[in-house]
Amino acid sequence: MCADPPPQSSGLYAFLFPSPQLFSLPAAEGKAGSKPLEFTAYAHTVARGTPLPWQGAAAEEGLNDAGGEEHYVGNVIICDVRVYGGSLLSHQYNWICDELMGGGGLHTMGTYIIDLLTHLTSRRAQKVHGLLKTFVKQNTAISGIRHVTSDDFCVFQMLMGDGVCCTVTLNFNMPGSFTHEVMIVGSAGRLIARGTDLYGQKNTALQEEVLFTDSLPVNKGLLDKGFKDIPLLYLKGMVYMVQALRQSFQEQEDRRTWDHKPVSMAASFEDGLYMQSVVEAIKKSSRSGEWETVEVMTEEPDANQNLCEALQRNNL
């Protein structure tokens, strides 16, 4: 946590994606459809291993319980997510600028949001509709023959199981403070997470109440060692993840063993495969302008076919 971020990345990217090479994976053995995905897809399977401060509290309110009990929000019907912030681009041209390399708001933030909503509602996306735009194609650091192809604005809708509707807006063209807001609306009330805090309001209440306030102190030294550009929400999430990892390995008589309970919320490879499938459906919808069905990959796609499609899109 005290190490400086890599010089070729900055801001949120430096925190979530230190280096593309770190995320190359071997195929999982004995599981269908577990061949290697592009590194950004798997990178976000780590996202649930980086728990948000309020995530546990939201789960305790019954959001991820598929049973018929009456919980704080009742039956979930609508999810609305808004993430606003400044540019994700680095100070020089690199893989972050390229959609095919996994750059852009949908790949880096959207996959994490997809996983979060799936985890909180215990439902998966069935159909999606999305729009991806690149408004900043060049800047003072990226010019000449090079241009940005990764999206800096993305909005998509997901129709999930049991009729749950989700709307997600990702806008990285807004200077100023970082905004991260997740709202879950149900038949009995709503939950809304603003930053590190969780609020709720019953249909019978006149105003919302505070359900969870994160009090985790962040060492000022972290903010002075290259982490000042990272939103506090994600910085605290990383601290919680490191604490969970430490708890998994400490007090083990055999150093080769570990306790999986502290990190039981971490996403699996299959979760990453699902996230990547949803992302691909959203990108397909952005090109077609129509609703697209989410089809989870069961085998590795033909690389030559992907290359041909990418070249055709660039030519268009």
Protein backbone atom coordinates (compact mmCIF):
# COMPACT_ATOMS: atom_id res chain seq x y z
CA MET A 1 0.00 0.00 0.00
CA CYS A 2 2.92 2.34 0.51
CA ALA A 3 4.52 1.79 -2.86
CA ASP A 4 4.28 4.50 -5.47
CA PRO A 5 2.04 3.74 -8.47
CA PRO A 6 3.71 2.94 -11.77
CA PRO A 7 4.90 6.03 -13.63
CA GLN A 8 3.02 5.12 -16.81
CA SER A 9 -0.40 5.21 -15.15
CA SER A 10 -2.16 7.81 -13.06
CA GLY A 11 -5.24 8.27 -10.94
CA LEU A 12 -7.79 5.49 -10.71
CA TYR A 13 -6.05 3.37 -13.36
CA ALA A 14 -2.80 3.32 -11.42
CA PHE A 15 -4.70 1.93 -8.47
CA LEU A 16 -6.79 -0.71 -10.23
CA PHE A 17 -4.43 -1.70 -13.06
CA PRO A 18 -0.73 -1.42 -12.19
CA SER A 19 0.36 -3.28 -15.33
CA PRO A 20 -1.46 -5.28 -18.03
CA GLN A 21 1.11 -8.06 -17.78
CA LEU A 22 0.07 -8.77 -14.20
CA PHE A 23 -3.30 -10.08 -15.31
CA SER A 24 -2.36 -12.77 -17.83
CA LEU A 25 -3.87 -16.04 -16.65
CA PRO A 26 -3.46 -19.71 -17.42
CA ALA A 27 -6.54 -21.70 -18.29
CA ALA A 28 -8.38 -23.13 -15.33
CA GLU A 29 -8.32 -26.88 -15.27
CA GLY A 30 -11.41 -29.04 -15.44
CA LYS A 31 -13.94 -26.26 -16.05
CA ALA A 32 -15.70 -25.58 -19.30
CA GLY A 33 -15.37 -22.08 -20.64
CA SER A 34 -12.46 -21.19 -18.38
CA LYS A 35 -9.94 -20.34 -21.05
CA PRO A 36 -8.01 -17.09 -20.67
CA LEU A 37 -9.96 -13.87 -21.09
CA GLU A 38 -8.45 -10.52 -21.88
CA PHE A 39 -6.65 -9.22 -18.81
CA THR A 40 -9.11 -6.43 -18.08
CA ALA A 41 -11.95 -8.89 -17.64
CA TYR A 42 -10.09 -10.83 -15.01
CA ALA A 43 -8.74 -7.69 -13.42
CA HIS A 44 -12.25 -6.89 -12.35
CA THR A 45 -12.81 -10.25 -10.76
CA VAL A 46 -10.56 -8.68 -8.14
CA ALA A 47 -13.03 -5.84 -7.76
CA ARG A 48 -15.30 -7.77 -5.41
CA GLY A 49 -12.18 -8.73 -3.51
CA THR A 50 -11.83 -4.98 -2.98
CA PRO A 51 -15.04 -4.57 -0.95
CA LEU A 52 -16.70 -1.19 -0.71
CA PRO A 53 -17.06 -0.02 2.89
CA TRP A 54 -20.87 -0.20 2.79
CA GLN A 55 -21.13 -3.42 0.76
CA GLY A 56 -21.43 -5.70 3.78
CA ALA A 57 -24.03 -3.47 5.37
CA ALA A 58 -26.10 -3.50 2.19
CA ALA A 59 -25.94 -7.28 2.09
CA GLU A 60 -27.06 -7.46 5.70
CA GLU A 61 -30.13 -5.46 4.76
CA GLY A 62 -31.20 -8.46 2.70
CA LEU A 63 -30.42 -7.25 -0.80
CA ASN A 64 -28.64 -10.42 -1.79
CA ASP A 65 -31.15 -12.77 -0.20
CA ALA A 66 -33.26 -14.39 -2.90
CA GLY A 67 -35.71 -15.74 -0.31
CA GLY A 68 -39.20 -14.45 0.26
CA GLU A 69 -38.54 -12.66 3.55
CA GLU A 70 -39.44 -9.00 3.82
CA HIS A 71 -36.25 -6.94 4.06
CA TYR A 72 -35.53 -3.24 4.16
CA VAL A 73 -36.35 -2.55 0.51
CA GLY A 74 -38.75 -5.45 0.00
CA ASN A 75 -38.62 -6.92 -3.50
CA VAL A 76 -35.91 -5.23 -5.58
CA ILE A 77 -37.31 -3.63 -8.74
CA ILE A 78 -34.88 -0.90 -9.86
CA CYS A 79 -31.14 -0.26 -9.56
CA ASP A 80 -29.59 3.05 -10.56
CA VAL A 81 -25.84 3.73 -10.59
CA ARG A 82 -24.03 6.97 -11.36
CA VAL A 83 -20.27 7.33 -11.51
CA TYR A 84 -18.87 10.74 -12.47
CA GLY A 85 -15.26 11.83 -12.51
CA GLY A 86 -12.40 13.34 -14.43
CA SER A 87 -10.54 11.83 -17.35
CA LEU A 88 -9.15 8.32 -16.98
CA LEU A 89 -6.37 8.97 -19.49
CA SER A 90 -2.72 8.98 -18.47
CA HIS A 91 -0.18 11.65 -19.33
CA GLN A 92 1.02 9.67 -22.32
CA TYR A 93 -0.42 7.27 -24.88
CA ASN A 94 -0.67 3.67 -23.65
CA TRP A 95 -3.08 0.75 -23.48
CA ILE A 96 -5.56 2.81 -21.46
CA CYS A 97 -6.36 4.79 -24.60
CA ASP A 98 -7.23 1.71 -26.65
CA GLU A 99 -10.62 0.00 -26.48
CA LEU A 100 -9.22 -3.29 -27.79
CA MET A 101 -6.61 -3.30 -25.02
CA GLY A 102 -9.27 -2.88 -22.35
CA GLY A 103 -9.27 0.87 -21.85
CA GLY A 104 -12.33 2.99 -21.25
CA GLY A 105 -15.01 3.43 -18.63
CA LEU A 106 -17.03 0.34 -19.55
CA HIS A 107 -14.10 -2.05 -19.19
CA THR A 108 -12.56 -0.53 -16.09
CA MET A 109 -15.57 0.67 -14.11
CA GLY A 110 -18.52 -0.97 -15.85
CA THR A 111 -17.39 -4.53 -15.20
CA TYR A 112 -17.06 -3.78 -11.51
CA ILE A 113 -20.56 -2.22 -11.43
CA ILE A 114 -22.03 -5.24 -13.23
CA ASP A 115 -20.47 -7.55 -10.65
CA LEU A 116 -21.62 -5.35 -7.76
CA LEU A 117 -25.26 -5.28 -8.90
CA THR A 118 -25.24 -9.01 -9.58
CA HIS A 119 -23.83 -9.64 -6.12
CA LEU A 120 -26.28 -7.34 -4.32
CA THR A 121 -29.41 -8.56 -6.11
CA SER A 122 -28.43 -12.23 -6.66
CA ARG A 123 -29.67 -11.86 -10.24
CA ARG A 124 -27.85 -11.91 -13.56
CA ALA A 125 -28.31 -9.74 -16.62
CA GLN A 126 -30.37 -11.32 -19.39
CA LYS A 127 -30.61 -8.48 -21.91
CA VAL A 128 -28.69 -5.22 -22.21
CA HIS A 129 -28.84 -1.98 -24.14
CA GLY A 130 -25.92 0.42 -24.17
CA LEU A 131 -24.23 3.45 -25.69
CA LEU A 132 -20.48 4.11 -25.69
CA LYS A 133 -18.95 7.42 -26.77
CA THR A 134 -15.44 8.83 -27.00
CA PHE A 135 -15.61 12.61 -26.67
CA VAL A 136 -11.92 13.27 -26.01
CA LYS A 137 -10.03 11.62 -28.87
CA GLN A 138 -6.88 13.73 -28.55
CA ASN A 139 -5.33 16.08 -26.02
CA THR A 140 -2.04 17.88 -25.46
CA ALA A 141 -0.28 14.62 -24.59
CA ILE A 142 -1.99 12.42 -27.20
CA SER A 143 -1.90 13.94 -30.66
CA GLY A 144 -0.61 13.44 -34.18
CA ILE A 145 -1.38 10.06 -35.68
CA ARG A 146 -2.49 8.66 -32.33
CA HIS A 147 -6.01 9.01 -31.03
CA VAL A 148 -8.11 7.60 -28.21
CA THR A 149 -10.59 4.83 -29.04
CA SER A 150 -11.65 3.92 -25.48
CA ASP A 151 -14.93 5.32 -24.19
CA ASP A 152 -15.11 8.21 -21.73
CA PHE A 153 -18.92 8.14 -21.55
CA CYS A 154 -21.07 5.05 -21.22
CA VAL A 155 -24.69 4.48 -20.33
CA PHE A 156 -26.32 1.07 -20.32
CA GLN A 157 -29.43 -0.70 -19.12
CA MET A 158 -29.69 -4.26 -17.90
CA LEU A 159 -32.83 -6.36 -17.70
CA MET A 160 -32.06 -8.90 -15.00
CA GLY A 161 -33.80 -11.92 -13.58
CA ASP A 162 -37.27 -11.48 -12.03
CA GLY A 163 -37.76 -8.28 -14.02
CA VAL A 164 -35.22 -6.18 -12.12
CA CYS A 165 -34.19 -3.16 -14.22
CA CYS A 166 -30.79 -1.49 -13.87
CA THR A 167 -29.49 1.76 -15.32
CA VAL A 168 -25.80 2.67 -15.16
CA THR A 169 -24.22 5.98 -16.20
CA LEU A 170 -20.44 6.35 -16.37
CA ASN A 171 -19.18 9.84 -17.22
CA PHE A 172 -15.48 10.63 -17.10
CA ASN A 173 -15.66 14.12 -18.57
CA MET A 174 -16.52 15.94 -15.35
CA PRO A 175 -13.90 17.92 -13.44
CA GLY A 176 -14.28 18.34 -9.72
CA SER A 177 -15.08 15.87 -6.98
CA PHE A 178 -15.56 12.19 -7.77
CA THR A 179 -19.16 10.95 -7.53
CA HIS A 180 -20.09 7.32 -6.90
CA GLU A 181 -23.76 6.67 -6.15
CA VAL A 182 -25.61 3.35 -6.09
CA MET A 183 -29.36 3.25 -5.46
CA ILE A 184 -31.48 0.13 -4.98
CA VAL A 185 -35.25 0.66 -5.09
CA GLY A 186 -37.68 -1.96 -3.83
CA SER A 187 -41.34 -2.41 -3.04
CA ALA A 188 -40.87 -1.29 0.57
CA GLY A 189 -38.18 1.38 0.32
CA ARG A 190 -34.78 2.25 -1.08
CA LEU A 191 -31.11 2.04 -0.20
CA ILE A 192 -28.62 4.54 -1.54
CA ALA A 193 -24.85 4.48 -1.17
CA ARG A 194 -23.07 7.80 -1.54
CA GLY A 195 -19.35 7.40 -1.41
CA THR A 196 -18.48 5.38 1.69
CA ASP A 197 -21.81 5.83 3.48
CA LEU A 198 -25.11 3.96 3.18
CA TYR A 199 -28.52 5.58 3.55
CA GLY A 200 -32.03 4.18 3.46
CA GLN A 201 -35.62 5.32 3.38
CA LYS A 202 -38.78 3.30 3.90
CA ASN A 203 -41.87 4.14 1.89
CA THR A 204 -43.57 5.06 5.16
CA ALA A 205 -40.75 7.41 6.28
CA LEU A 206 -40.61 11.15 5.64
CA GLN A 207 -36.84 11.29 5.19
CA GLU A 208 -33.88 9.00 4.71
CA GLU A 209 -31.82 7.63 7.57
CA VAL A 210 -28.15 6.81 7.93
CA LEU A 211 -27.64 3.04 8.03
CA PHE A 212 -23.87 2.81 7.84
CA THR A 213 -21.04 5.31 8.13
CA ASP A 214 -17.53 4.13 7.46
CA SER A 215 -15.09 5.18 10.16
CA LEU A 216 -11.97 3.46 8.86
CA PRO A 217 -9.06 5.89 9.29
CA VAL A 218 -6.75 6.30 6.32
CA ASN A 219 -3.12 6.99 7.09
CA LYS A 220 -2.21 10.41 5.77
CA GLY A 221 1.04 8.89 4.54
CA LEU A 222 -0.91 6.98 1.90
CA LEU A 223 -2.23 10.21 0.44
CA ASP A 224 1.30 11.58 0.26
CA LYS A 225 2.75 8.56 -1.53
CA GLY A 226 1.03 8.76 -4.89
CA PHE A 227 -2.49 7.77 -3.80
CA LYS A 228 -3.96 11.26 -3.53
CA ASP A 229 -5.70 10.96 -6.92
CA ILE A 230 -7.52 7.77 -5.91
CA PRO A 231 -11.10 8.28 -4.68
CA LEU A 232 -11.36 7.63 -0.95
CA LEU A 233 -14.03 4.99 -1.58
CA TYR A 234 -11.60 2.77 -3.51
CA LEU A 235 -8.65 3.50 -1.28
CA LYS A 236 -10.60 2.27 1.73
CA GLY A 237 -11.79 -0.71 -0.29
CA MET A 238 -8.19 -1.71 -0.94
CA VAL A 239 -7.41 -1.40 2.77
CA TYR A 240 -10.29 -3.74 3.58
CA MET A 241 -9.07 -6.20 0.95
CA VAL A 242 -5.54 -6.25 2.38
CA GLN A 243 -6.96 -6.75 5.86
CA ALA A 244 -9.05 -9.70 4.63
CA LEU A 245 -6.05 -11.26 2.90
CA ARG A 246 -3.95 -10.90 6.02
CA GLN A 247 -6.68 -12.51 8.10
CA SER A 248 -6.82 -15.42 5.64
CA PHE A 249 -3.16 -16.30 6.08
CA GLN A 250 -2.34 -15.31 9.63
CA GLU A 251 -2.48 -17.79 12.51
CA GLN A 252 -2.18 -20.74 10.15
CA GLU A 253 0.03 -23.51 11.47
CA ASP A 254 0.88 -24.59 7.95
CA ARG A 255 2.08 -21.62 5.89
CA ARG A 256 0.85 -23.37 2.77
CA THR A 257 -2.79 -23.20 3.92
CA TRP A 258 -5.23 -20.33 4.23
CA ASP A 259 -8.74 -19.62 5.50
CA HIS A 260 -11.11 -18.79 2.65
CA LYS A 261 -13.84 -17.28 4.84
CA PRO A 262 -12.40 -13.72 5.09
CA VAL A 263 -12.27 -13.50 1.29
CA SER A 264 -15.39 -15.54 0.54
CA MET A 265 -16.98 -12.52 -1.19
CA ALA A 266 -14.21 -12.43 -3.80
CA ALA A 267 -15.34 -13.06 -7.35
CA SER A 268 -14.48 -16.31 -9.11
CA PHE A 269 -13.16 -16.90 -12.62
CA GLU A 270 -16.69 -17.78 -13.74
CA ASP A 271 -17.88 -14.43 -12.38
CA GLY A 272 -15.23 -12.74 -14.51
CA LEU A 273 -16.40 -14.71 -17.53
CA TYR A 274 -19.97 -13.54 -16.91
CA MET A 275 -18.87 -9.91 -16.53
CA GLN A 276 -16.93 -10.06 -19.78
CA SER A 277 -19.96 -11.54 -21.56
CA VAL A 278 -22.17 -8.69 -20.34
CA VAL A 279 -19.57 -6.13 -21.46
CA GLU A 280 -19.38 -7.69 -24.92
CA ALA A 281 -23.18 -7.61 -25.18
CA ILE A 282 -23.20 -3.91 -24.23
CA LYS A 283 -20.56 -3.12 -26.86
CA LYS A 284 -22.55 -5.07 -29.43
CA SER A 285 -25.69 -3.14 -28.48
CA SER A 286 -23.85 0.16 -28.87
CA ARG A 287 -22.98 -0.80 -32.44
CA SER A 288 -26.41 -2.17 -33.37
CA GLY A 289 -28.57 0.26 -31.42
CA GLU A 290 -30.76 -2.62 -30.24
CA TRP A 291 -31.25 -4.75 -27.14
CA GLU A 292 -28.85 -7.67 -27.06
CA THR A 293 -29.06 -10.98 -25.21
CA VAL A 294 -26.25 -11.82 -22.81
CA GLU A 295 -24.63 -15.08 -23.88
CA VAL A 296 -21.94 -16.38 -21.55
CA MET A 297 -18.99 -17.70 -23.53
CA THR A 298 -18.39 -21.44 -23.32
CA GLU A 299 -15.30 -21.52 -25.50
CA GLU A 300 -12.53 -19.16 -26.50
CA PRO A 301 -13.53 -17.04 -29.51
CA ASP A 302 -11.52 -17.22 -32.70
CA ALA A 303 -8.76 -14.62 -32.48
CA ASN A 304 -8.69 -14.08 -36.25
CA GLN A 305 -12.42 -13.35 -36.29
CA ASN A 306 -12.02 -10.83 -33.46
CA LEU A 307 -9.20 -9.12 -35.36
CA CYS A 308 -11.29 -8.88 -38.53
CA GLU A 309 -14.22 -7.38 -36.64
CA ALA A 310 -11.93 -4.87 -34.93
CA LEU A 311 -10.43 -3.78 -38.25
CA GLN A 312 -13.88 -3.40 -39.77
CA ARG A 313 -15.01 -1.19 -36.86
CA ASN A 314 -11.90 1.00 -37.17
CA ASN A 315 -12.44 1.39 -40.91
CA LEU A 316 -16.02 2.44 -40.31
